[in-house]
Amino acid sequence: MIALLFALAVSAQAIPPPTGPVVFCGTQAAPEASSYQLVFNGGAPEPLTMDASLDAACPAGTTNSFRLAASRFTVGNHTLLVRAVNTFGSTDGPVYDVTVGIAPGKFTITAVIRG
């Protein structure tokens, strides 16, 4: 399992292709949400279930964690947005960027020097 930490000051993360569930850690500001939705890669909102117990790998101050299947994280760029919902409405969290297994940039020869 690869833990992807949703640190307060971090808005993006690069990871190798995962083989097990990917764990996301985060904080929920007051007031509490009664449910959550995930917007993955700009798609339609889908129900999101937080872990019953906070993942032990999450940093101090984390209030919630959730898991997504590794199969969702193909090589390339992905975006996640968590929407907190209660009876009075919903609030979108910041968009979180995940880059998976991108190959290195191209090498460019800039000169040829003869000896």
PDB file of N, CA and C in Angstrom:
ATOM      1  N   MET A   1       0.839  -1.167   0.000  1.00  0.00           N
ATOM      2  CA  MET A   1       0.000   0.000   0.000  1.00  0.00           C
ATOM      3  C   MET A   1       0.888   1.235   0.000  1.00  0.00           C
ATOM      4  N   ILE A   2       0.514   2.226  -0.762  1.00  0.00           N
ATOM      5  CA  ILE A   2       1.233   3.495  -0.807  1.00  0.00           C
ATOM      6  C   ILE A   2       0.356   4.536  -0.138  1.00  0.00           C
ATOM      7  N   ALA A   3       0.895   5.198   0.853  1.00  0.00           N
ATOM      8  CA  ALA A   3       0.141   6.242   1.531  1.00  0.00           C
ATOM      9  C   ALA A   3       0.392   7.562   0.835  1.00  0.00           C
ATOM     10  N   LEU A   4      -0.659   8.228   0.507  1.00  0.00           N
ATOM     11  CA  LEU A   4      -0.570   9.545  -0.119  1.00  0.00           C
ATOM     12  C   LEU A   4      -1.059  10.538   0.920  1.00  0.00           C
ATOM     13  N   LEU A   5      -0.180  11.319   1.454  1.00  0.00           N
ATOM     14  CA  LEU A   5      -0.554  12.211   2.538  1.00  0.00           C
ATOM     15  C   LEU A   5      -1.109  13.521   2.003  1.00  0.00           C
ATOM     16  N   PHE A   6      -2.280  13.872   2.450  1.00  0.00           N
ATOM     17  CA  PHE A   6      -2.913  15.126   2.061  1.00  0.00           C
ATOM     18  C   PHE A   6      -2.522  16.155   3.113  1.00  0.00           C
ATOM     19  N   ALA A   7      -1.278  16.601   3.064  1.00  0.00           N
ATOM     20  CA  ALA A   7      -0.768  17.561   4.037  1.00  0.00           C
ATOM     21  C   ALA A   7      -1.413  18.921   3.801  1.00  0.00           C
ATOM     22  N   LEU A   8      -1.512  19.705   4.845  1.00  0.00           N
ATOM     23  CA  LEU A   8      -2.182  20.992   4.753  1.00  0.00           C
ATOM     24  C   LEU A   8      -1.524  21.920   3.731  1.00  0.00           C
ATOM     25  N   ALA A   9      -0.204  21.911   3.639  1.00  0.00           N
ATOM     26  CA  ALA A   9       0.489  22.838   2.759  1.00  0.00           C
ATOM     27  C   ALA A   9       0.772  22.248   1.383  1.00  0.00           C
ATOM     28  N   VAL A  10       0.317  21.058   1.123  1.00  0.00           N
ATOM     29  CA  VAL A  10       0.621  20.384  -0.136  1.00  0.00           C
ATOM     30  C   VAL A  10      -0.631  20.322  -0.995  1.00  0.00           C
ATOM     31  N   SER A  11      -0.498  20.658  -2.274  1.00  0.00           N
ATOM     32  CA  SER A  11      -1.655  20.582  -3.162  1.00  0.00           C
ATOM     33  C   SER A  11      -1.439  19.599  -4.294  1.00  0.00           C
ATOM     34  N   ALA A  12      -0.285  18.907  -4.298  1.00  0.00           N
ATOM     35  CA  ALA A  12      -0.010  17.940  -5.352  1.00  0.00           C
ATOM     36  C   ALA A  12       0.953  16.887  -4.830  1.00  0.00           C
ATOM     37  N   GLN A  13       0.922  15.726  -5.458  1.00  0.00           N
ATOM     38  CA  GLN A  13       1.796  14.640  -5.050  1.00  0.00           C
ATOM     39  C   GLN A  13       2.136  13.804  -6.269  1.00  0.00           C
ATOM     40  N   ALA A  14       3.391  13.363  -6.378  1.00  0.00           N
ATOM     41  CA  ALA A  14       3.815  12.455  -7.439  1.00  0.00           C
ATOM     42  C   ALA A  14       4.119  11.110  -6.814  1.00  0.00           C
ATOM     43  N   ILE A  15       3.605  10.032  -7.402  1.00  0.00           N
ATOM     44  CA  ILE A  15       3.804   8.700  -6.851  1.00  0.00           C
ATOM     45  C   ILE A  15       4.125   7.716  -7.972  1.00  0.00           C
ATOM     46  N   PRO A  16       4.808   6.604  -7.625  1.00  0.00           N
ATOM     47  CA  PRO A  16       4.966   5.540  -8.609  1.00  0.00           C
ATOM     48  C   PRO A  16       3.614   4.852  -8.786  1.00  0.00           C
ATOM     49  N   PRO A  17       3.418   4.094  -9.861  1.00  0.00           N
ATOM     50  CA  PRO A  17       2.140   3.402 -10.028  1.00  0.00           C
ATOM     51  C   PRO A  17       1.840   2.538  -8.803  1.00  0.00           C
ATOM     52  N   PRO A  18       0.709   2.737  -8.153  1.00  0.00           N
ATOM     53  CA  PRO A  18       0.395   1.974  -6.939  1.00  0.00           C
ATOM     54  C   PRO A  18      -0.048   0.551  -7.256  1.00  0.00           C
ATOM     55  N   THR A  19       0.146  -0.335  -6.281  1.00  0.00           N
ATOM     56  CA  THR A  19      -0.281  -1.731  -6.428  1.00  0.00           C
ATOM     57  C   THR A  19      -1.397  -2.092  -5.467  1.00  0.00           C
ATOM     58  N   GLY A  20      -1.628  -1.273  -4.483  1.00  0.00           N
ATOM     59  CA  GLY A  20      -2.691  -1.520  -3.510  1.00  0.00           C
ATOM     60  C   GLY A  20      -3.515  -0.265  -3.353  1.00  0.00           C
ATOM     61  N   PRO A  21      -4.459  -0.261  -2.442  1.00  0.00           N
ATOM     62  CA  PRO A  21      -5.280   0.932  -2.282  1.00  0.00           C
ATOM     63  C   PRO A  21      -4.418   2.146  -1.963  1.00  0.00           C
ATOM     64  N   VAL A  22      -4.838   3.297  -2.452  1.00  0.00           N
ATOM     65  CA  VAL A  22      -4.145   4.554  -2.186  1.00  0.00           C
ATOM     66  C   VAL A  22      -4.905   5.248  -1.059  1.00  0.00           C
ATOM     67  N   VAL A  23      -4.190   5.597  -0.004  1.00  0.00           N
ATOM     68  CA  VAL A  23      -4.802   6.219   1.172  1.00  0.00           C
ATOM     69  C   VAL A  23      -4.616   7.729   1.106  1.00  0.00           C
ATOM     70  N   PHE A  24      -5.692   8.454   1.308  1.00  0.00           N
ATOM     71  CA  PHE A  24      -5.660   9.903   1.370  1.00  0.00           C
ATOM     72  C   PHE A  24      -6.013  10.327   2.786  1.00  0.00           C
ATOM     73  N   CYS A  25      -5.268  11.268   3.324  1.00  0.00           N
ATOM     74  CA  CYS A  25      -5.489  11.792   4.665  1.00  0.00           C
ATOM     75  C   CYS A  25      -5.906  13.253   4.549  1.00  0.00           C
ATOM     76  N   GLY A  26      -6.790  13.699   5.400  1.00  0.00           N
ATOM     77  CA  GLY A  26      -7.221  15.087   5.331  1.00  0.00           C
ATOM     78  C   GLY A  26      -7.844  15.567   6.624  1.00  0.00           C
ATOM     79  N   THR A  27      -8.251  16.808   6.608  1.00  0.00           N
ATOM     80  CA  THR A  27      -8.900  17.403   7.779  1.00  0.00           C
ATOM     81  C   THR A  27     -10.264  17.939   7.386  1.00  0.00           C
ATOM     82  N   GLN A  28     -11.195  17.832   8.296  1.00  0.00           N
ATOM     83  CA  GLN A  28     -12.549  18.355   8.103  1.00  0.00           C
ATOM     84  C   GLN A  28     -12.736  19.528   9.042  1.00  0.00           C
ATOM     85  N   ALA A  29     -12.939  20.721   8.486  1.00  0.00           N
ATOM     86  CA  ALA A  29     -13.201  21.908   9.302  1.00  0.00           C
ATOM     87  C   ALA A  29     -14.633  21.860   9.817  1.00  0.00           C
ATOM     88  N   ALA A  30     -14.877  22.526  10.933  1.00  0.00           N
ATOM     89  CA  ALA A  30     -16.226  22.615  11.486  1.00  0.00           C
ATOM     90  C   ALA A  30     -17.067  23.524  10.602  1.00  0.00           C
ATOM     91  N   PRO A  31     -18.352  23.300  10.521  1.00  0.00           N
ATOM     92  CA  PRO A  31     -19.082  22.184  11.121  1.00  0.00           C
ATOM     93  C   PRO A  31     -18.843  20.879  10.356  1.00  0.00           C
ATOM     94  N   GLU A  32     -19.075  19.790  11.028  1.00  0.00           N
ATOM     95  CA  GLU A  32     -18.855  18.463  10.466  1.00  0.00           C
ATOM     96  C   GLU A  32     -19.753  18.194   9.264  1.00  0.00           C
ATOM     97  N   ALA A  33     -19.246  17.373   8.372  1.00  0.00           N
ATOM     98  CA  ALA A  33     -20.039  16.936   7.216  1.00  0.00           C
ATOM     99  C   ALA A  33     -20.819  15.682   7.594  1.00  0.00           C
ATOM    100  N   SER A  34     -21.975  15.504   6.982  1.00  0.00           N
ATOM    101  CA  SER A  34     -22.731  14.267   7.218  1.00  0.00           C
ATOM    102  C   SER A  34     -22.413  13.230   6.144  1.00  0.00           C
ATOM    103  N   SER A  35     -21.887  13.687   5.017  1.00  0.00           N
ATOM    104  CA  SER A  35     -21.467  12.767   3.951  1.00  0.00           C
ATOM    105  C   SER A  35     -20.452  13.475   3.061  1.00  0.00           C
ATOM    106  N   TYR A  36     -19.865  12.690   2.163  1.00  0.00           N
ATOM    107  CA  TYR A  36     -18.836  13.229   1.268  1.00  0.00           C
ATOM    108  C   TYR A  36     -19.078  12.741  -0.146  1.00  0.00           C
ATOM    109  N   GLN A  37     -18.595  13.532  -1.095  1.00  0.00           N
ATOM    110  CA  GLN A  37     -18.606  13.140  -2.499  1.00  0.00           C
ATOM    111  C   GLN A  37     -17.198  13.348  -3.045  1.00  0.00           C
ATOM    112  N   LEU A  38     -16.837  12.528  -4.032  1.00  0.00           N
ATOM    113  CA  LEU A  38     -15.549  12.643  -4.699  1.00  0.00           C
ATOM    114  C   LEU A  38     -15.778  13.011  -6.150  1.00  0.00           C
ATOM    115  N   VAL A  39     -15.040  14.004  -6.626  1.00  0.00           N
ATOM    116  CA  VAL A  39     -15.034  14.341  -8.045  1.00  0.00           C
ATOM    117  C   VAL A  39     -13.646  13.943  -8.536  1.00  0.00           C
ATOM    118  N   PHE A  40     -13.584  12.868  -9.308  1.00  0.00           N
ATOM    119  CA  PHE A  40     -12.314  12.307  -9.777  1.00  0.00           C
ATOM    120  C   PHE A  40     -12.125  12.672 -11.241  1.00  0.00           C
ATOM    121  N   ASN A  41     -11.030  13.335 -11.543  1.00  0.00           N
ATOM    122  CA  ASN A  41     -10.699  13.750 -12.911  1.00  0.00           C
ATOM    123  C   ASN A  41     -11.815  14.559 -13.572  1.00  0.00           C
ATOM    124  N   GLY A  42     -12.482  15.393 -12.778  1.00  0.00           N
ATOM    125  CA  GLY A  42     -13.515  16.261 -13.319  1.00  0.00           C
ATOM    126  C   GLY A  42     -14.812  15.558 -13.684  1.00  0.00           C
ATOM    127  N   GLY A  43     -14.961  14.293 -13.302  1.00  0.00           N
ATOM    128  CA  GLY A  43     -16.170  13.539 -13.626  1.00  0.00           C
ATOM    129  C   GLY A  43     -17.341  13.909 -12.732  1.00  0.00           C
ATOM    130  N   ALA A  44     -18.376  13.094 -12.805  1.00  0.00           N
ATOM    131  CA  ALA A  44     -19.568  13.315 -11.987  1.00  0.00           C
ATOM    132  C   ALA A  44     -19.258  13.002 -10.519  1.00  0.00           C
ATOM    133  N   PRO A  45     -19.850  13.750  -9.588  1.00  0.00           N
ATOM    134  CA  PRO A  45     -19.648  13.442  -8.168  1.00  0.00           C
ATOM    135  C   PRO A  45     -20.130  12.029  -7.853  1.00  0.00           C
ATOM    136  N   GLU A  46     -19.357  11.341  -7.027  1.00  0.00           N
ATOM    137  CA  GLU A  46     -19.711   9.987  -6.599  1.00  0.00           C
ATOM    138  C   GLU A  46     -19.624   9.916  -5.089  1.00  0.00           C
ATOM    139  N   PRO A  47     -20.411   9.053  -4.452  1.00  0.00           N
ATOM    140  CA  PRO A  47     -20.343   8.930  -2.994  1.00  0.00           C
ATOM    141  C   PRO A  47     -18.942   8.522  -2.546  1.00  0.00           C
ATOM    142  N   LEU A  48     -18.497   9.087  -1.443  1.00  0.00           N
ATOM    143  CA  LEU A  48     -17.181   8.782  -0.882  1.00  0.00           C
ATOM    144  C   LEU A  48     -17.363   8.403   0.575  1.00  0.00           C
ATOM    145  N   THR A  49     -16.836   7.250   0.952  1.00  0.00           N
ATOM    146  CA  THR A  49     -16.927   6.785   2.331  1.00  0.00           C
ATOM    147  C   THR A  49     -15.577   6.944   3.013  1.00  0.00           C
ATOM    148  N   MET A  50     -15.564   7.653   4.118  1.00  0.00           N
ATOM    149  CA  MET A  50     -14.347   7.799   4.908  1.00  0.00           C
ATOM    150  C   MET A  50     -14.087   6.491   5.650  1.00  0.00           C
ATOM    151  N   ASP A  51     -12.817   6.222   5.974  1.00  0.00           N
ATOM    152  CA  ASP A  51     -12.463   5.031   6.744  1.00  0.00           C
ATOM    153  C   ASP A  51     -13.142   5.084   8.110  1.00  0.00           C
ATOM    154  N   ALA A  52     -13.565   3.920   8.599  1.00  0.00           N
ATOM    155  CA  ALA A  52     -14.185   3.853   9.926  1.00  0.00           C
ATOM    156  C   ALA A  52     -13.186   4.250  11.008  1.00  0.00           C
ATOM    157  N   SER A  53     -11.921   3.889  10.809  1.00  0.00           N
ATOM    158  CA  SER A  53     -10.842   4.272  11.723  1.00  0.00           C
ATOM    159  C   SER A  53      -9.782   5.004  10.912  1.00  0.00           C
ATOM    160  N   LEU A  54      -9.251   6.062  11.459  1.00  0.00           N
ATOM    161  CA  LEU A  54      -8.220   6.841  10.793  1.00  0.00           C
ATOM    162  C   LEU A  54      -7.013   5.963  10.483  1.00  0.00           C
ATOM    163  N   ASP A  55      -6.484   6.031   9.273  1.00  0.00           N
ATOM    164  CA  ASP A  55      -5.315   5.249   8.891  1.00  0.00           C
ATOM    165  C   ASP A  55      -4.121   5.667   9.745  1.00  0.00           C
ATOM    166  N   ALA A  56      -3.415   4.696  10.299  1.00  0.00           N
ATOM    167  CA  ALA A  56      -2.293   4.955  11.204  1.00  0.00           C
ATOM    168  C   ALA A  56      -1.145   5.702  10.531  1.00  0.00           C
ATOM    169  N   ALA A  57      -1.039   5.652   9.215  1.00  0.00           N
ATOM    170  CA  ALA A  57       0.049   6.337   8.511  1.00  0.00           C
ATOM    171  C   ALA A  57      -0.206   7.836   8.327  1.00  0.00           C
ATOM    172  N   CYS A  58      -1.418   8.297   8.624  1.00  0.00           N
ATOM    173  CA  CYS A  58      -1.736   9.716   8.448  1.00  0.00           C
ATOM    174  C   CYS A  58      -0.996  10.565   9.479  1.00  0.00           C
ATOM    175  N   PRO A  59      -0.614  11.785   9.092  1.00  0.00           N
ATOM    176  CA  PRO A  59       0.119  12.653  10.016  1.00  0.00           C
ATOM    177  C   PRO A  59      -0.769  13.198  11.135  1.00  0.00           C
ATOM    178  N   ALA A  60      -0.113  13.680  12.163  1.00  0.00           N
ATOM    179  CA  ALA A  60      -0.827  14.287  13.293  1.00  0.00           C
ATOM    180  C   ALA A  60      -1.719  15.416  12.790  1.00  0.00           C
ATOM    181  N   GLY A  61      -2.876  15.555  13.389  1.00  0.00           N
ATOM    182  CA  GLY A  61      -3.814  16.594  13.009  1.00  0.00           C
ATOM    183  C   GLY A  61      -4.826  16.153  11.973  1.00  0.00           C
ATOM    184  N   THR A  62      -4.621  14.981  11.383  1.00  0.00           N
ATOM    185  CA  THR A  62      -5.557  14.459  10.397  1.00  0.00           C
ATOM    186  C   THR A  62      -6.848  14.047  11.084  1.00  0.00           C
ATOM    187  N   THR A  63      -7.977  14.355  10.483  1.00  0.00           N
ATOM    188  CA  THR A  63      -9.266  13.976  11.074  1.00  0.00           C
ATOM    189  C   THR A  63      -9.937  12.824  10.335  1.00  0.00           C
ATOM    190  N   ASN A  64      -9.609  12.636   9.053  1.00  0.00           N
ATOM    191  CA  ASN A  64     -10.262  11.600   8.253  1.00  0.00           C
ATOM    192  C   ASN A  64      -9.277  11.006   7.260  1.00  0.00           C
ATOM    193  N   SER A  65      -9.575   9.776   6.851  1.00  0.00           N
ATOM    194  CA  SER A  65      -8.824   9.153   5.761  1.00  0.00           C
ATOM    195  C   SER A  65      -9.803   8.353   4.909  1.00  0.00           C
ATOM    196  N   PHE A  66      -9.429   8.182   3.634  1.00  0.00           N
ATOM    197  CA  PHE A  66     -10.227   7.344   2.746  1.00  0.00           C
ATOM    198  C   PHE A  66      -9.293   6.651   1.774  1.00  0.00           C
ATOM    199  N   ARG A  67      -9.790   5.611   1.122  1.00  0.00           N
ATOM    200  CA  ARG A  67      -8.995   4.813   0.195  1.00  0.00           C
ATOM    201  C   ARG A  67      -9.644   4.775  -1.170  1.00  0.00           C
ATOM    202  N   LEU A  68      -8.782   4.749  -2.185  1.00  0.00           N
ATOM    203  CA  LEU A  68      -9.256   4.547  -3.547  1.00  0.00           C
ATOM    204  C   LEU A  68      -8.460   3.417  -4.167  1.00  0.00           C
ATOM    205  N   ALA A  69      -9.096   2.674  -5.035  1.00  0.00           N
ATOM    206  CA  ALA A  69      -8.449   1.536  -5.688  1.00  0.00           C
ATOM    207  C   ALA A  69      -7.272   1.996  -6.535  1.00  0.00           C
ATOM    208  N   ALA A  70      -6.204   1.222  -6.510  1.00  0.00           N
ATOM    209  CA  ALA A  70      -5.011   1.533  -7.302  1.00  0.00           C
ATOM    210  C   ALA A  70      -5.321   1.597  -8.788  1.00  0.00           C
ATOM    211  N   SER A  71      -6.287   0.827  -9.231  1.00  0.00           N
ATOM    212  CA  SER A  71      -6.622   0.774 -10.663  1.00  0.00           C
ATOM    213  C   SER A  71      -7.080   2.130 -11.202  1.00  0.00           C
ATOM    214  N   ARG A  72      -7.513   3.026 -10.332  1.00  0.00           N
ATOM    215  CA  ARG A  72      -7.935   4.353 -10.777  1.00  0.00           C
ATOM    216  C   ARG A  72      -6.749   5.238 -11.144  1.00  0.00           C
ATOM    217  N   PHE A  73      -5.573   4.877 -10.660  1.00  0.00           N
ATOM    218  CA  PHE A  73      -4.400   5.718 -10.823  1.00  0.00           C
ATOM    219  C   PHE A  73      -3.475   5.191 -11.913  1.00  0.00           C
ATOM    220  N   THR A  74      -3.948   5.306 -13.140  1.00  0.00           N
ATOM    221  CA  THR A  74      -3.143   4.939 -14.294  1.00  0.00           C
ATOM    222  C   THR A  74      -2.030   5.979 -14.466  1.00  0.00           C
ATOM    223  N   VAL A  75      -1.031   5.657 -15.268  1.00  0.00           N
ATOM    224  CA  VAL A  75       0.068   6.588 -15.512  1.00  0.00           C
ATOM    225  C   VAL A  75      -0.492   7.866 -16.124  1.00  0.00           C
ATOM    226  N   GLY A  76      -0.114   8.985 -15.553  1.00  0.00           N
ATOM    227  CA  GLY A  76      -0.590  10.282 -16.032  1.00  0.00           C
ATOM    228  C   GLY A  76      -0.976  11.181 -14.881  1.00  0.00           C
ATOM    229  N   ASN A  77      -1.738  12.202 -15.187  1.00  0.00           N
ATOM    230  CA  ASN A  77      -2.175  13.181 -14.195  1.00  0.00           C
ATOM    231  C   ASN A  77      -3.626  12.939 -13.809  1.00  0.00           C
ATOM    232  N   HIS A  78      -3.904  13.107 -12.523  1.00  0.00           N
ATOM    233  CA  HIS A  78      -5.259  12.924 -12.001  1.00  0.00           C
ATOM    234  C   HIS A  78      -5.584  14.064 -11.047  1.00  0.00           C
ATOM    235  N   THR A  79      -6.861  14.411 -10.961  1.00  0.00           N
ATOM    236  CA  THR A  79      -7.298  15.423  -9.998  1.00  0.00           C
ATOM    237  C   THR A  79      -8.397  14.836  -9.120  1.00  0.00           C
ATOM    238  N   LEU A  80      -8.381  15.249  -7.855  1.00  0.00           N
ATOM    239  CA  LEU A  80      -9.399  14.826  -6.899  1.00  0.00           C
ATOM    240  C   LEU A  80      -9.939  16.054  -6.189  1.00  0.00           C
ATOM    241  N   LEU A  81     -11.230  16.064  -5.981  1.00  0.00           N
ATOM    242  CA  LEU A  81     -11.877  17.103  -5.212  1.00  0.00           C
ATOM    243  C   LEU A  81     -12.833  16.400  -4.257  1.00  0.00           C
ATOM    244  N   VAL A  82     -12.742  16.711  -2.974  1.00  0.00           N
ATOM    245  CA  VAL A  82     -13.660  16.143  -1.984  1.00  0.00           C
ATOM    246  C   VAL A  82     -14.672  17.218  -1.619  1.00  0.00           C
ATOM    247  N   ARG A  83     -15.936  16.862  -1.720  1.00  0.00           N
ATOM    248  CA  ARG A  83     -17.048  17.762  -1.398  1.00  0.00           C
ATOM    249  C   ARG A  83     -17.658  17.295  -0.076  1.00  0.00           C
ATOM    250  N   ALA A  84     -17.671  18.183   0.912  1.00  0.00           N
ATOM    251  CA  ALA A  84     -18.302  17.905   2.204  1.00  0.00           C
ATOM    252  C   ALA A  84     -19.762  18.347   2.127  1.00  0.00           C
ATOM    253  N   VAL A  85     -20.668  17.504   2.623  1.00  0.00           N
ATOM    254  CA  VAL A  85     -22.106  17.754   2.503  1.00  0.00           C
ATOM    255  C   VAL A  85     -22.775  17.642   3.876  1.00  0.00           C
ATOM    256  N   ASN A  86     -23.701  18.568   4.170  1.00  0.00           N
ATOM    257  CA  ASN A  86     -24.606  18.403   5.315  1.00  0.00           C
ATOM    258  C   ASN A  86     -25.987  18.914   4.900  1.00  0.00           C
ATOM    259  N   THR A  87     -26.918  18.973   5.814  1.00  0.00           N
ATOM    260  CA  THR A  87     -28.294  19.332   5.454  1.00  0.00           C
ATOM    261  C   THR A  87     -28.426  20.762   4.933  1.00  0.00           C
ATOM    262  N   PHE A  88     -27.424  21.601   5.160  1.00  0.00           N
ATOM    263  CA  PHE A  88     -27.504  22.994   4.732  1.00  0.00           C
ATOM    264  C   PHE A  88     -26.820  23.251   3.394  1.00  0.00           C
ATOM    265  N   GLY A  89     -26.158  22.257   2.840  1.00  0.00           N
ATOM    266  CA  GLY A  89     -25.498  22.447   1.554  1.00  0.00           C
ATOM    267  C   GLY A  89     -24.204  21.679   1.455  1.00  0.00           C
ATOM    268  N   SER A  90     -23.326  22.138   0.572  1.00  0.00           N
ATOM    269  CA  SER A  90     -22.055  21.448   0.366  1.00  0.00           C
ATOM    270  C   SER A  90     -20.943  22.475   0.201  1.00  0.00           C
ATOM    271  N   THR A  91     -19.730  22.022   0.491  1.00  0.00           N
ATOM    272  CA  THR A  91     -18.537  22.853   0.349  1.00  0.00           C
ATOM    273  C   THR A  91     -17.461  22.035  -0.336  1.00  0.00           C
ATOM    274  N   ASP A  92     -16.904  22.587  -1.431  1.00  0.00           N
ATOM    275  CA  ASP A  92     -15.826  21.906  -2.139  1.00  0.00           C
ATOM    276  C   ASP A  92     -14.495  22.190  -1.473  1.00  0.00           C
ATOM    277  N   GLY A  93     -13.699  21.149  -1.319  1.00  0.00           N
ATOM    278  CA  GLY A  93     -12.320  21.317  -0.868  1.00  0.00           C
ATOM    279  C   GLY A  93     -11.463  21.732  -2.054  1.00  0.00           C
ATOM    280  N   PRO A  94     -10.175  21.976  -1.819  1.00  0.00           N
ATOM    281  CA  PRO A  94      -9.301  22.333  -2.934  1.00  0.00           C
ATOM    282  C   PRO A  94      -9.068  21.135  -3.853  1.00  0.00           C
ATOM    283  N   VAL A  95      -8.786  21.408  -5.109  1.00  0.00           N
ATOM    284  CA  VAL A  95      -8.452  20.336  -6.053  1.00  0.00           C
ATOM    285  C   VAL A  95      -7.059  19.836  -5.711  1.00  0.00           C
ATOM    286  N   TYR A  96      -6.911  18.528  -5.640  1.00  0.00           N
ATOM    287  CA  TYR A  96      -5.637  17.891  -5.312  1.00  0.00           C
ATOM    288  C   TYR A  96      -5.127  17.179  -6.557  1.00  0.00           C
ATOM    289  N   ASP A  97      -3.895  17.453  -6.965  1.00  0.00           N
ATOM    290  CA  ASP A  97      -3.313  16.866  -8.164  1.00  0.00           C
ATOM    291  C   ASP A  97      -2.417  15.685  -7.808  1.00  0.00           C
ATOM    292  N   VAL A  98      -2.566  14.583  -8.549  1.00  0.00           N
ATOM    293  CA  VAL A  98      -1.716  13.406  -8.375  1.00  0.00           C
ATOM    294  C   VAL A  98      -1.118  13.064  -9.729  1.00  0.00           C
ATOM    295  N   THR A  99       0.195  12.954  -9.777  1.00  0.00           N
ATOM    296  CA  THR A  99       0.891  12.544 -10.986  1.00  0.00           C
ATOM    297  C   THR A  99       1.450  11.155 -10.745  1.00  0.00           C
ATOM    298  N   VAL A 100       1.153  10.233 -11.658  1.00  0.00           N
ATOM    299  CA  VAL A 100       1.561   8.840 -11.481  1.00  0.00           C
ATOM    300  C   VAL A 100       2.553   8.441 -12.565  1.00  0.00           C
ATOM    301  N   GLY A 101       3.726   8.002 -12.146  1.00  0.00           N
ATOM    302  CA  GLY A 101       4.705   7.359 -13.005  1.00  0.00           C
ATOM    303  C   GLY A 101       5.022   8.034 -14.315  1.00  0.00           C
ATOM    304  N   ILE A 102       5.299   9.316 -14.298  1.00  0.00           N
ATOM    305  CA  ILE A 102       5.621  10.007 -15.539  1.00  0.00           C
ATOM    306  C   ILE A 102       7.085   9.756 -15.897  1.00  0.00           C
ATOM    307  N   ALA A 103       7.350   9.470 -17.166  1.00  0.00           N
ATOM    308  CA  ALA A 103       8.709   9.234 -17.647  1.00  0.00           C
ATOM    309  C   ALA A 103       9.517  10.530 -17.545  1.00  0.00           C
ATOM    310  N   PRO A 104      10.856  10.417 -17.529  1.00  0.00           N
ATOM    311  CA  PRO A 104      11.671  11.623 -17.424  1.00  0.00           C
ATOM    312  C   PRO A 104      11.542  12.494 -18.663  1.00  0.00           C
ATOM    313  N   GLY A 105      11.926  13.745 -18.495  1.00  0.00           N
ATOM    314  CA  GLY A 105      11.924  14.672 -19.622  1.00  0.00           C
ATOM    315  C   GLY A 105      12.973  14.273 -20.651  1.00  0.00           C
ATOM    316  N   LYS A 106      12.903  14.872 -21.837  1.00  0.00           N
ATOM    317  CA  LYS A 106      13.826  14.516 -22.901  1.00  0.00           C
ATOM    318  C   LYS A 106      15.211  15.079 -22.628  1.00  0.00           C
ATOM    319  N   PHE A 107      16.223  14.386 -23.127  1.00  0.00           N
ATOM    320  CA  PHE A 107      17.600  14.857 -23.051  1.00  0.00           C
ATOM    321  C   PHE A 107      17.917  15.539 -24.367  1.00  0.00           C
ATOM    322  N   THR A 108      18.495  16.718 -24.289  1.00  0.00           N
ATOM    323  CA  THR A 108      18.829  17.475 -25.486  1.00  0.00           C
ATOM    324  C   THR A 108      20.335  17.714 -25.536  1.00  0.00           C
ATOM    325  N   ILE A 109      20.980  17.298 -26.602  1.00  0.00           N
ATOM    326  CA  ILE A 109      22.404  17.572 -26.798  1.00  0.00           C
ATOM    327  C   ILE A 109      22.536  19.043 -27.154  1.00  0.00           C
ATOM    328  N   THR A 110      23.421  19.735 -26.449  1.00  0.00           N
ATOM    329  CA  THR A 110      23.578  21.168 -26.685  1.00  0.00           C
ATOM    330  C   THR A 110      24.886  21.524 -27.378  1.00  0.00           C
ATOM    331  N   ALA A 111      25.824  20.586 -27.434  1.00  0.00           N
ATOM    332  CA  ALA A 111      27.087  20.863 -28.110  1.00  0.00           C
ATOM    333  C   ALA A 111      27.830  19.556 -28.373  1.00  0.00           C
ATOM    334  N   VAL A 112      28.735  19.598 -29.359  1.00  0.00           N
ATOM    335  CA  VAL A 112      29.650  18.489 -29.640  1.00  0.00           C
ATOM    336  C   VAL A 112      31.049  19.079 -29.601  1.00  0.00           C
ATOM    337  N   ILE A 113      31.888  18.541 -28.754  1.00  0.00           N
ATOM    338  CA  ILE A 113      33.243  19.052 -28.597  1.00  0.00           C
ATOM    339  C   ILE A 113      34.233  17.983 -29.027  1.00  0.00           C
ATOM    340  N   ARG A 114      35.072  18.282 -29.991  1.00  0.00           N
ATOM    341  CA  ARG A 114      36.073  17.320 -30.449  1.00  0.00           C
ATOM    342  C   ARG A 114      37.317  17.443 -29.602  1.00  0.00           C
ATOM    343  N   GLY A 115      37.969  16.288 -29.399  1.00  0.00           N
ATOM    344  CA  GLY A 115      39.213  16.288 -28.628  1.00  0.00           C
ATOM    345  C   GLY A 115      40.424  16.330 -29.510  1.00  0.00           C
TER     346      GLY A 115
END
